[in-house]
Amino acid sequence: MNSVILDVSVAVLSLIVLIISIFALPVVLPAGYAIILALVLFIICMSGGGYIISNNHKTE
């Protein structure tokens, strides 16, 4: 599969995780901690997706 499509799909899914986290986490945590945790989850999703793509999809 094209690496650009994979990168865009990881970015879109990470953005969806961020948006859901921003709305869902303040229900169970104080607002400050919830926003920080949402950003950490977003960074983990972006980093993990990039790491998996770079290891599984080598350019020839």
Protein backbone atom coordinates (compact mmCIF):
# COMPACT_ATOMS: atom_id res chain seq x y z
CA MET A 1 0.00 0.00 0.00
CA ASN A 2 1.14 3.55 -0.65
CA SER A 3 2.99 5.03 2.33
CA VAL A 4 1.25 8.40 1.89
CA ILE A 5 -2.16 6.76 2.28
CA LEU A 6 -0.96 4.94 5.38
CA ASP A 7 0.44 8.16 6.89
CA VAL A 8 -2.77 10.06 6.22
CA SER A 9 -4.93 7.28 7.66
CA VAL A 10 -2.82 7.17 10.84
CA ALA A 11 -3.06 10.95 11.16
CA VAL A 12 -6.85 10.95 10.69
CA LEU A 13 -7.36 8.13 13.18
CA SER A 14 -5.07 9.85 15.69
CA LEU A 15 -7.05 13.07 15.29
CA ILE A 16 -10.28 11.15 15.93
CA VAL A 17 -8.72 9.66 19.08
CA LEU A 18 -7.73 13.18 20.19
CA ILE A 19 -11.22 14.61 19.64
CA ILE A 20 -12.93 11.72 21.43
CA SER A 21 -10.44 11.94 24.29
CA ILE A 22 -10.94 15.69 24.70
CA PHE A 23 -14.68 15.20 25.09
CA ALA A 24 -14.69 11.93 27.06
CA LEU A 25 -11.83 12.29 29.53
CA PRO A 26 -13.05 15.43 31.37
CA VAL A 27 -16.05 13.39 32.49
CA VAL A 28 -13.85 11.10 34.59
CA LEU A 29 -10.81 13.33 35.30
CA PRO A 30 -10.22 16.96 36.20
CA ALA A 31 -10.04 19.13 33.07
CA GLY A 32 -6.31 19.88 33.23
CA TYR A 33 -5.30 16.25 33.59
CA ALA A 34 -7.79 15.18 30.94
CA ILE A 35 -6.35 17.53 28.31
CA ILE A 36 -2.79 16.45 29.10
CA LEU A 37 -3.79 12.78 28.90
CA ALA A 38 -5.61 13.41 25.61
CA LEU A 39 -2.48 14.98 24.15
CA VAL A 40 -0.33 12.11 25.41
CA LEU A 41 -2.71 9.59 23.82
CA PHE A 42 -2.57 11.55 20.55
CA ILE A 43 1.24 11.55 20.59
CA ILE A 44 1.33 7.83 21.36
CA CYS A 45 -1.07 7.08 18.48
CA MET A 46 0.93 9.19 16.01
CA SER A 47 4.27 7.79 17.15
CA GLY A 48 3.08 4.20 17.26
CA GLY A 49 1.49 4.43 13.84
CA GLY A 50 4.60 6.00 12.33
CA TYR A 51 6.83 3.41 13.95
CA ILE A 52 4.72 0.51 12.67
CA ILE A 53 4.52 2.00 9.17
CA SER A 54 8.27 2.62 8.99
CA ASN A 55 9.11 -0.91 10.18
CA ASN A 56 6.54 -2.78 8.09
CA HIS A 57 6.57 -0.69 4.92
CA LYS A 58 10.12 -0.32 3.62
CA THR A 59 10.70 1.65 0.46
CA GLU A 60 12.24 -0.32 -2.34
